[in-house]
N, C-alpha and C. Protein backbone atom coordinates (compact mmCIF):
# COMPACT_ATOMS: atom_id res chain seq x y z
N UNK A 1 90.81 87.52 79.89
CA UNK A 1 90.07 87.71 81.13
C UNK A 1 90.88 87.10 82.26
N UNK A 2 90.99 87.83 83.35
CA UNK A 2 91.71 87.37 84.53
C UNK A 2 90.74 87.33 85.70
N UNK A 3 90.66 86.17 86.35
CA UNK A 3 89.76 85.99 87.49
C UNK A 3 90.59 85.78 88.74
N UNK A 4 90.36 86.66 89.73
CA UNK A 4 91.12 86.62 90.97
C UNK A 4 90.18 86.56 92.16
N UNK A 5 90.58 85.83 93.18
CA UNK A 5 89.86 85.81 94.45
C UNK A 5 90.89 86.12 95.53
N UNK A 6 90.54 87.06 96.40
CA UNK A 6 91.34 87.35 97.60
C UNK A 6 90.50 86.90 98.79
N UNK A 7 91.12 86.26 99.76
CA UNK A 7 90.38 85.85 100.95
C UNK A 7 91.25 85.98 102.19
N UNK A 8 90.58 86.21 103.29
CA UNK A 8 91.24 86.36 104.58
C UNK A 8 90.17 86.55 105.63
N UNK A 9 90.46 87.36 106.62
CA UNK A 9 89.48 87.67 107.66
C UNK A 9 89.30 89.18 107.75
N UNK A 10 88.17 89.57 108.32
CA UNK A 10 87.85 90.99 108.47
C UNK A 10 88.96 91.74 109.19
N UNK A 11 89.28 92.92 108.71
CA UNK A 11 90.33 93.73 109.29
C UNK A 11 91.63 93.68 108.50
N UNK A 12 91.75 92.74 107.55
CA UNK A 12 92.97 92.62 106.76
C UNK A 12 92.94 93.47 105.49
N UNK A 13 91.82 94.08 105.18
CA UNK A 13 91.74 94.95 104.01
C UNK A 13 91.56 94.22 102.70
N UNK A 14 91.11 92.99 102.76
CA UNK A 14 90.93 92.17 101.56
C UNK A 14 89.98 92.85 100.57
N UNK A 15 88.85 93.31 101.06
CA UNK A 15 87.84 93.91 100.17
C UNK A 15 88.36 95.21 99.59
N UNK A 16 89.02 96.02 100.40
CA UNK A 16 89.60 97.27 99.90
C UNK A 16 90.61 96.99 98.80
N UNK A 17 91.42 95.96 98.95
CA UNK A 17 92.39 95.61 97.92
C UNK A 17 91.69 95.27 96.61
N UNK A 18 90.60 94.53 96.69
CA UNK A 18 89.85 94.18 95.49
C UNK A 18 89.26 95.40 94.80
N UNK A 19 88.74 96.31 95.60
CA UNK A 19 88.16 97.54 95.04
C UNK A 19 89.25 98.37 94.35
N UNK A 20 90.39 98.51 94.99
CA UNK A 20 91.49 99.29 94.41
C UNK A 20 91.94 98.68 93.09
N UNK A 21 92.09 97.36 93.04
CA UNK A 21 92.52 96.69 91.82
C UNK A 21 91.51 96.90 90.69
N UNK A 22 90.24 96.74 90.99
CA UNK A 22 89.20 96.93 89.97
C UNK A 22 89.16 98.39 89.50
N UNK A 23 89.26 99.33 90.43
CA UNK A 23 89.27 100.75 90.05
C UNK A 23 90.45 101.07 89.16
N UNK A 24 91.60 100.52 89.47
CA UNK A 24 92.79 100.78 88.64
C UNK A 24 92.57 100.27 87.22
N UNK A 25 91.97 99.10 87.10
CA UNK A 25 91.72 98.53 85.77
C UNK A 25 90.74 99.39 84.97
N UNK A 26 89.68 99.83 85.62
CA UNK A 26 88.63 100.58 84.92
C UNK A 26 89.01 102.05 84.72
N UNK A 27 89.36 102.73 85.80
CA UNK A 27 89.56 104.17 85.75
C UNK A 27 90.88 104.58 85.11
N UNK A 28 91.90 103.77 85.27
CA UNK A 28 93.22 104.15 84.76
C UNK A 28 93.61 103.45 83.47
N UNK A 29 93.04 102.27 83.22
CA UNK A 29 93.45 101.52 82.04
C UNK A 29 92.32 101.33 81.02
N UNK A 30 91.13 101.76 81.36
CA UNK A 30 90.02 101.66 80.42
C UNK A 30 89.55 100.24 80.14
N UNK A 31 89.84 99.34 81.04
CA UNK A 31 89.40 97.96 80.90
C UNK A 31 88.04 97.77 81.55
N UNK A 32 87.52 96.59 81.42
CA UNK A 32 86.29 96.21 82.10
C UNK A 32 86.67 95.44 83.36
N UNK A 33 85.92 95.64 84.43
CA UNK A 33 86.19 94.91 85.66
C UNK A 33 84.92 94.83 86.50
N UNK A 34 84.83 93.74 87.25
CA UNK A 34 83.80 93.62 88.27
C UNK A 34 84.50 93.28 89.58
N UNK A 35 83.88 93.68 90.66
CA UNK A 35 84.38 93.36 91.99
C UNK A 35 83.17 93.07 92.85
N UNK A 36 83.15 91.92 93.48
CA UNK A 36 82.08 91.59 94.41
C UNK A 36 82.72 91.14 95.71
N UNK A 37 81.94 91.10 96.76
CA UNK A 37 82.52 90.82 98.06
C UNK A 37 81.53 90.06 98.93
N UNK A 38 82.09 89.31 99.86
CA UNK A 38 81.27 88.66 100.89
C UNK A 38 82.09 88.64 102.17
N UNK A 39 81.40 88.72 103.26
CA UNK A 39 82.09 88.74 104.54
C UNK A 39 81.14 88.29 105.64
N UNK A 40 81.71 87.79 106.71
CA UNK A 40 80.93 87.34 107.85
C UNK A 40 80.31 88.50 108.60
N UNK A 41 79.42 88.18 109.50
CA UNK A 41 78.68 89.20 110.24
C UNK A 41 79.57 89.93 111.26
N UNK A 42 80.68 89.32 111.64
CA UNK A 42 81.56 89.94 112.63
C UNK A 42 82.23 91.17 112.03
N UNK A 43 82.45 92.17 112.86
CA UNK A 43 83.12 93.39 112.39
C UNK A 43 84.58 93.08 112.06
N UNK A 44 85.22 92.27 112.88
CA UNK A 44 86.60 91.86 112.64
C UNK A 44 86.71 90.37 112.90
N UNK A 45 87.52 89.72 112.13
CA UNK A 45 87.77 88.31 112.36
C UNK A 45 86.90 87.35 111.56
N UNK A 46 85.84 87.83 110.94
CA UNK A 46 85.00 86.98 110.11
C UNK A 46 85.63 86.75 108.75
N UNK A 47 85.31 85.63 108.14
CA UNK A 47 85.86 85.29 106.83
C UNK A 47 85.43 86.32 105.79
N UNK A 48 86.38 86.78 104.96
CA UNK A 48 86.08 87.74 103.89
C UNK A 48 86.58 87.19 102.57
N UNK A 49 85.93 87.66 101.52
CA UNK A 49 86.32 87.26 100.17
C UNK A 49 85.93 88.36 99.20
N UNK A 50 86.80 88.63 98.26
CA UNK A 50 86.46 89.52 97.17
C UNK A 50 86.85 88.85 95.86
N UNK A 51 85.94 88.93 94.90
CA UNK A 51 86.16 88.38 93.56
C UNK A 51 86.37 89.54 92.61
N UNK A 52 87.42 89.48 91.81
CA UNK A 52 87.72 90.52 90.83
C UNK A 52 87.90 89.86 89.48
N UNK A 53 87.19 90.38 88.49
CA UNK A 53 87.38 89.94 87.12
C UNK A 53 87.82 91.16 86.32
N UNK A 54 88.93 91.03 85.62
CA UNK A 54 89.45 92.10 84.78
C UNK A 54 89.50 91.56 83.36
N UNK A 55 88.98 92.36 82.42
CA UNK A 55 88.87 91.87 81.05
C UNK A 55 89.05 93.01 80.05
N UNK A 56 89.39 92.64 78.85
CA UNK A 56 89.44 93.60 77.75
C UNK A 56 88.08 93.71 77.06
N UNK A 57 87.15 92.85 77.47
CA UNK A 57 85.77 92.87 76.95
C UNK A 57 84.81 92.98 78.12
N UNK A 58 83.58 93.30 77.81
CA UNK A 58 82.55 93.40 78.83
C UNK A 58 82.44 92.10 79.62
N UNK A 59 82.32 92.22 80.93
CA UNK A 59 82.18 91.06 81.80
C UNK A 59 80.68 90.79 81.95
N UNK A 60 80.26 89.62 81.50
CA UNK A 60 78.83 89.31 81.49
C UNK A 60 78.34 88.64 82.76
N UNK A 61 79.24 88.01 83.51
CA UNK A 61 78.83 87.30 84.73
C UNK A 61 79.90 87.53 85.79
N UNK A 62 79.55 88.19 86.90
CA UNK A 62 80.57 88.59 87.87
C UNK A 62 81.00 87.52 88.88
N UNK A 63 80.35 86.38 88.90
CA UNK A 63 80.68 85.34 89.88
C UNK A 63 81.84 84.49 89.36
N UNK A 64 82.78 84.18 90.24
CA UNK A 64 83.92 83.35 89.88
C UNK A 64 83.73 81.96 90.47
N UNK A 65 83.76 80.98 89.60
CA UNK A 65 83.69 79.60 90.06
C UNK A 65 85.07 78.96 90.05
N UNK A 66 85.91 79.35 89.11
CA UNK A 66 87.29 78.85 89.07
C UNK A 66 88.23 80.02 88.77
N UNK A 67 88.97 80.42 89.77
CA UNK A 67 89.87 81.57 89.65
C UNK A 67 91.20 81.16 89.02
N UNK A 68 91.80 82.11 88.30
CA UNK A 68 93.17 81.93 87.82
C UNK A 68 94.14 82.09 88.99
N UNK A 69 93.81 83.06 89.86
CA UNK A 69 94.67 83.38 91.00
C UNK A 69 93.83 83.43 92.27
N UNK A 70 94.32 82.76 93.30
CA UNK A 70 93.71 82.80 94.62
C UNK A 70 94.76 83.32 95.58
N UNK A 71 94.47 84.44 96.24
CA UNK A 71 95.40 85.04 97.21
C UNK A 71 94.79 84.90 98.60
N UNK A 72 95.55 84.32 99.53
CA UNK A 72 95.01 83.98 100.84
C UNK A 72 95.89 84.56 101.95
N UNK A 73 95.23 85.24 102.90
CA UNK A 73 95.95 85.83 104.03
C UNK A 73 95.60 85.18 105.38
N UNK A 74 94.76 84.15 105.38
CA UNK A 74 94.39 83.49 106.64
C UNK A 74 94.03 82.04 106.36
N UNK A 75 94.37 81.16 107.28
CA UNK A 75 94.11 79.73 107.10
C UNK A 75 92.64 79.43 106.84
N UNK A 76 91.75 80.14 107.51
CA UNK A 76 90.31 79.90 107.29
C UNK A 76 89.93 80.17 105.84
N UNK A 77 90.56 81.15 105.21
CA UNK A 77 90.30 81.43 103.81
C UNK A 77 90.76 80.28 102.91
N UNK A 78 91.89 79.67 103.27
CA UNK A 78 92.40 78.53 102.51
C UNK A 78 91.41 77.37 102.63
N UNK A 79 90.99 77.09 103.83
CA UNK A 79 90.07 75.98 104.07
C UNK A 79 88.76 76.17 103.32
N UNK A 80 88.25 77.40 103.33
CA UNK A 80 86.95 77.67 102.72
C UNK A 80 86.99 77.82 101.21
N UNK A 81 88.08 78.33 100.66
CA UNK A 81 88.05 78.74 99.25
C UNK A 81 89.07 78.07 98.33
N UNK A 82 89.87 77.15 98.84
CA UNK A 82 90.86 76.54 97.97
C UNK A 82 90.23 75.80 96.79
N UNK A 83 89.02 75.35 96.93
CA UNK A 83 88.32 74.67 95.85
C UNK A 83 87.90 75.58 94.71
N UNK A 84 88.03 76.89 94.90
CA UNK A 84 87.65 77.83 93.84
C UNK A 84 88.79 78.11 92.86
N UNK A 85 89.97 77.57 93.15
CA UNK A 85 91.12 77.78 92.26
C UNK A 85 91.13 76.71 91.18
N UNK A 86 91.22 77.15 89.94
CA UNK A 86 91.24 76.18 88.84
C UNK A 86 92.50 75.33 88.92
N UNK A 87 92.42 74.08 88.48
CA UNK A 87 93.61 73.24 88.49
C UNK A 87 94.74 73.91 87.71
N UNK A 88 95.92 73.91 88.31
CA UNK A 88 97.07 74.55 87.69
C UNK A 88 97.10 76.05 87.87
N UNK A 89 96.18 76.60 88.65
CA UNK A 89 96.14 78.04 88.89
C UNK A 89 97.29 78.49 89.78
N UNK A 90 97.22 79.75 90.20
CA UNK A 90 98.28 80.34 91.02
C UNK A 90 97.73 80.62 92.41
N UNK A 91 98.42 80.10 93.40
CA UNK A 91 98.05 80.28 94.80
C UNK A 91 99.11 81.15 95.46
N UNK A 92 98.72 82.37 95.81
CA UNK A 92 99.61 83.29 96.53
C UNK A 92 99.12 83.31 97.97
N UNK A 93 100.02 83.09 98.91
CA UNK A 93 99.57 83.01 100.30
C UNK A 93 100.64 83.51 101.25
N UNK A 94 100.18 83.94 102.43
CA UNK A 94 101.14 84.37 103.44
C UNK A 94 101.86 83.13 103.97
N UNK A 95 103.17 83.15 103.91
CA UNK A 95 103.97 81.98 104.25
C UNK A 95 103.94 81.62 105.73
N UNK A 96 103.56 82.54 106.58
CA UNK A 96 103.48 82.25 108.02
C UNK A 96 102.07 81.88 108.47
N UNK A 97 101.06 82.46 107.84
CA UNK A 97 99.68 82.30 108.32
C UNK A 97 98.92 81.17 107.66
N UNK A 98 99.40 80.68 106.51
CA UNK A 98 98.65 79.70 105.74
C UNK A 98 99.50 78.46 105.48
N UNK A 99 98.97 77.31 105.85
CA UNK A 99 99.61 76.03 105.56
C UNK A 99 98.87 75.39 104.39
N UNK A 100 99.61 75.12 103.33
CA UNK A 100 99.03 74.56 102.11
C UNK A 100 99.34 73.07 102.07
N UNK A 101 98.32 72.26 101.78
CA UNK A 101 98.56 70.82 101.70
C UNK A 101 99.03 70.42 100.30
N UNK A 102 99.55 69.22 100.20
CA UNK A 102 100.11 68.74 98.95
C UNK A 102 99.06 68.43 97.89
N UNK A 103 97.79 68.39 98.28
CA UNK A 103 96.73 68.04 97.33
C UNK A 103 96.33 69.22 96.44
N UNK A 104 96.73 70.41 96.79
CA UNK A 104 96.34 71.58 96.02
C UNK A 104 97.12 71.63 94.71
N UNK A 105 96.40 71.53 93.58
CA UNK A 105 97.00 71.55 92.25
C UNK A 105 97.15 73.00 91.81
N UNK A 106 98.28 73.60 92.16
CA UNK A 106 98.50 75.01 91.85
C UNK A 106 99.98 75.32 91.90
N UNK A 107 100.33 76.41 91.25
CA UNK A 107 101.67 76.96 91.44
C UNK A 107 101.61 77.73 92.75
N UNK A 108 102.39 77.33 93.70
CA UNK A 108 102.35 77.92 95.04
C UNK A 108 103.38 79.05 95.14
N UNK A 109 102.93 80.20 95.63
CA UNK A 109 103.84 81.32 95.81
C UNK A 109 103.69 81.84 97.24
N UNK A 110 104.51 81.31 98.16
CA UNK A 110 104.47 81.81 99.54
C UNK A 110 105.20 83.14 99.63
N UNK A 111 104.61 84.07 100.36
CA UNK A 111 105.20 85.40 100.51
C UNK A 111 104.98 85.90 101.94
N UNK A 112 105.86 86.78 102.43
CA UNK A 112 105.68 87.37 103.77
C UNK A 112 104.73 88.58 103.70
N UNK A 113 103.51 88.35 103.30
CA UNK A 113 102.56 89.43 103.06
C UNK A 113 102.18 90.14 104.35
N UNK A 114 101.90 89.37 105.38
CA UNK A 114 101.40 89.96 106.63
C UNK A 114 102.48 90.65 107.46
N UNK A 115 103.74 90.53 107.08
CA UNK A 115 104.79 91.20 107.84
C UNK A 115 104.62 92.72 107.83
N UNK A 116 103.85 93.22 106.87
CA UNK A 116 103.61 94.66 106.79
C UNK A 116 102.42 95.11 107.61
N UNK A 117 101.85 94.22 108.40
CA UNK A 117 100.76 94.60 109.30
C UNK A 117 99.59 95.20 108.56
N UNK A 118 99.25 96.43 108.92
CA UNK A 118 98.07 97.08 108.34
C UNK A 118 98.18 97.32 106.84
N UNK A 119 99.37 97.28 106.29
CA UNK A 119 99.54 97.48 104.86
C UNK A 119 99.61 96.19 104.06
N UNK A 120 99.24 95.07 104.68
CA UNK A 120 99.35 93.77 104.01
C UNK A 120 98.53 93.72 102.73
N UNK A 121 97.35 94.31 102.75
CA UNK A 121 96.51 94.27 101.54
C UNK A 121 97.16 95.04 100.38
N UNK A 122 97.84 96.11 100.69
CA UNK A 122 98.50 96.90 99.65
C UNK A 122 99.77 96.19 99.18
N UNK A 123 100.44 95.51 100.10
CA UNK A 123 101.58 94.68 99.71
C UNK A 123 101.13 93.60 98.74
N UNK A 124 99.98 92.99 99.01
CA UNK A 124 99.43 91.99 98.11
C UNK A 124 99.22 92.56 96.71
N UNK A 125 98.73 93.79 96.63
CA UNK A 125 98.53 94.42 95.32
C UNK A 125 99.86 94.59 94.57
N UNK A 126 100.91 94.95 95.29
CA UNK A 126 102.22 95.07 94.67
C UNK A 126 102.71 93.73 94.14
N UNK A 127 102.50 92.67 94.91
CA UNK A 127 102.88 91.33 94.46
C UNK A 127 102.13 90.98 93.19
N UNK A 128 100.83 91.22 93.17
CA UNK A 128 100.02 90.89 92.00
C UNK A 128 100.46 91.68 90.77
N UNK A 129 100.74 92.95 90.94
CA UNK A 129 101.18 93.76 89.80
C UNK A 129 102.52 93.28 89.25
N UNK A 130 103.41 92.86 90.14
CA UNK A 130 104.72 92.38 89.69
C UNK A 130 104.63 91.00 89.03
N UNK A 131 103.67 90.19 89.45
CA UNK A 131 103.56 88.83 88.93
C UNK A 131 102.69 88.71 87.69
N UNK A 132 101.76 89.63 87.49
CA UNK A 132 100.77 89.48 86.43
C UNK A 132 100.63 90.76 85.61
N UNK A 133 99.86 90.65 84.56
CA UNK A 133 99.51 91.82 83.76
C UNK A 133 98.12 92.31 84.15
N UNK A 134 97.71 92.04 85.38
CA UNK A 134 96.38 92.45 85.83
C UNK A 134 96.20 93.95 85.61
N UNK A 135 97.08 94.73 86.17
CA UNK A 135 97.10 96.18 85.95
C UNK A 135 98.54 96.67 86.09
N UNK A 136 98.81 97.79 85.48
CA UNK A 136 100.13 98.40 85.57
C UNK A 136 100.31 98.97 86.98
N UNK A 137 101.49 98.84 87.57
CA UNK A 137 101.71 99.41 88.90
C UNK A 137 101.37 100.90 89.00
N UNK A 138 101.63 101.66 87.94
CA UNK A 138 101.32 103.09 87.99
C UNK A 138 99.82 103.35 88.11
N UNK A 139 99.01 102.48 87.53
CA UNK A 139 97.55 102.62 87.65
C UNK A 139 97.13 102.45 89.11
N UNK A 140 97.73 101.49 89.79
CA UNK A 140 97.41 101.28 91.21
C UNK A 140 97.89 102.48 92.03
N UNK A 141 99.09 102.97 91.72
CA UNK A 141 99.60 104.14 92.46
C UNK A 141 98.65 105.33 92.34
N UNK A 142 98.07 105.53 91.16
CA UNK A 142 97.14 106.65 90.97
C UNK A 142 95.89 106.47 91.82
N UNK A 143 95.40 105.25 91.92
CA UNK A 143 94.22 104.99 92.76
C UNK A 143 94.59 105.17 94.23
N UNK A 144 95.75 104.71 94.62
CA UNK A 144 96.19 104.91 96.01
C UNK A 144 96.26 106.40 96.33
N UNK A 145 96.76 107.18 95.39
CA UNK A 145 96.84 108.63 95.61
C UNK A 145 95.45 109.24 95.75
N UNK A 146 94.52 108.83 94.91
CA UNK A 146 93.15 109.35 95.01
C UNK A 146 92.51 109.02 96.35
N UNK A 147 92.74 107.81 96.83
CA UNK A 147 92.11 107.36 98.06
C UNK A 147 92.81 107.88 99.32
N UNK A 148 94.14 107.90 99.28
CA UNK A 148 94.90 108.16 100.51
C UNK A 148 95.81 109.37 100.45
N UNK A 149 95.84 110.08 99.35
CA UNK A 149 96.71 111.24 99.24
C UNK A 149 98.17 110.86 99.29
N UNK A 150 98.93 111.59 100.05
CA UNK A 150 100.38 111.38 100.11
C UNK A 150 100.80 110.39 101.20
N UNK A 151 99.89 109.60 101.70
CA UNK A 151 100.19 108.63 102.77
C UNK A 151 101.31 107.69 102.32
N UNK A 152 102.50 107.92 102.82
CA UNK A 152 103.67 107.16 102.36
C UNK A 152 103.61 105.70 102.78
N UNK A 153 102.89 105.37 103.85
CA UNK A 153 102.82 103.97 104.29
C UNK A 153 102.22 103.09 103.20
N UNK A 154 101.23 103.59 102.49
CA UNK A 154 100.63 102.79 101.42
C UNK A 154 101.59 102.60 100.25
N UNK A 155 102.31 103.64 99.90
CA UNK A 155 103.29 103.51 98.81
C UNK A 155 104.42 102.57 99.21
N UNK A 156 104.85 102.65 100.46
CA UNK A 156 105.91 101.76 100.94
C UNK A 156 105.45 100.31 100.91
N UNK A 157 104.20 100.06 101.34
CA UNK A 157 103.67 98.69 101.33
C UNK A 157 103.55 98.18 99.89
N UNK A 158 103.09 99.03 98.99
CA UNK A 158 102.95 98.65 97.58
C UNK A 158 104.33 98.33 96.98
N UNK A 159 105.29 99.20 97.22
CA UNK A 159 106.64 98.98 96.70
C UNK A 159 107.27 97.73 97.30
N UNK A 160 106.95 97.46 98.56
CA UNK A 160 107.46 96.24 99.19
C UNK A 160 106.95 95.01 98.45
N UNK A 161 105.67 95.01 98.08
CA UNK A 161 105.11 93.90 97.31
C UNK A 161 105.79 93.74 95.97
N UNK A 162 106.01 94.85 95.29
CA UNK A 162 106.71 94.80 94.00
C UNK A 162 108.11 94.21 94.16
N UNK A 163 108.82 94.65 95.18
CA UNK A 163 110.20 94.20 95.36
C UNK A 163 110.30 92.75 95.84
N UNK A 164 109.30 92.27 96.57
CA UNK A 164 109.33 90.87 97.04
C UNK A 164 109.43 89.90 95.86
N UNK A 165 108.75 90.21 94.79
CA UNK A 165 108.74 89.33 93.62
C UNK A 165 110.14 89.23 93.03
N UNK A 166 110.81 90.36 92.85
CA UNK A 166 112.16 90.32 92.28
C UNK A 166 113.16 89.75 93.29
N UNK A 167 113.01 90.05 94.57
CA UNK A 167 113.92 89.52 95.58
C UNK A 167 113.88 88.00 95.62
N UNK A 168 112.73 87.43 95.33
CA UNK A 168 112.58 85.98 95.36
C UNK A 168 112.86 85.34 94.00
N UNK A 169 113.27 86.16 93.05
CA UNK A 169 113.64 85.63 91.74
C UNK A 169 112.48 85.10 90.92
N UNK A 170 111.29 85.63 91.17
CA UNK A 170 110.11 85.17 90.44
C UNK A 170 109.94 85.94 89.14
N UNK A 171 109.49 85.27 88.12
CA UNK A 171 109.22 85.89 86.82
C UNK A 171 107.74 86.16 86.70
N UNK A 172 107.36 87.14 85.88
CA UNK A 172 105.94 87.38 85.65
C UNK A 172 105.24 86.13 85.11
N UNK A 173 104.01 85.95 85.52
CA UNK A 173 103.22 84.78 85.14
C UNK A 173 102.32 85.11 83.96
N UNK A 174 102.07 84.14 83.15
CA UNK A 174 101.12 84.29 82.06
C UNK A 174 99.82 83.61 82.48
N UNK A 175 98.91 84.39 83.02
CA UNK A 175 97.62 83.86 83.45
C UNK A 175 96.52 84.78 82.94
N UNK A 176 95.37 84.21 82.61
CA UNK A 176 94.24 85.02 82.17
C UNK A 176 94.49 85.69 80.85
N UNK A 177 93.64 86.65 80.56
CA UNK A 177 93.65 87.41 79.31
C UNK A 177 93.87 86.47 78.16
């Protein structure tokens, strides 16, 4: 079982990224997954969070109290949700937008996620696929195609996320499952 939390602010596509990841796990890989979301009342700029659990068995409880992976695209998300990451977990964050303190017990992976602007959420999915066994990259590509057709910007953002991991010399992580 892999427990992931994505957080940021409204307009960054955090919730959409969670939905795409869960759909890829269920529809393309035949796994079990849950996805839940919370967001502020503001249309844009309010704190957002999506919880995704991917498992090879039925998921009995969809709430995450301690995530294996916490991905953060805004400082407010770090402030609000850093306590949800299990000790020794993986913290993926935008290297320009999020300042991480030394007290966080996690493997820190800073990335230039937001450099892709509107495609940052899809870039995050590419990073996750390259770093973990959450879902196969081809499963995500199929969901992107269903949702967006031939929109090359999404594929470029996804491929950018995949390539960032190898460019930075990172190896796949063994988390969850």
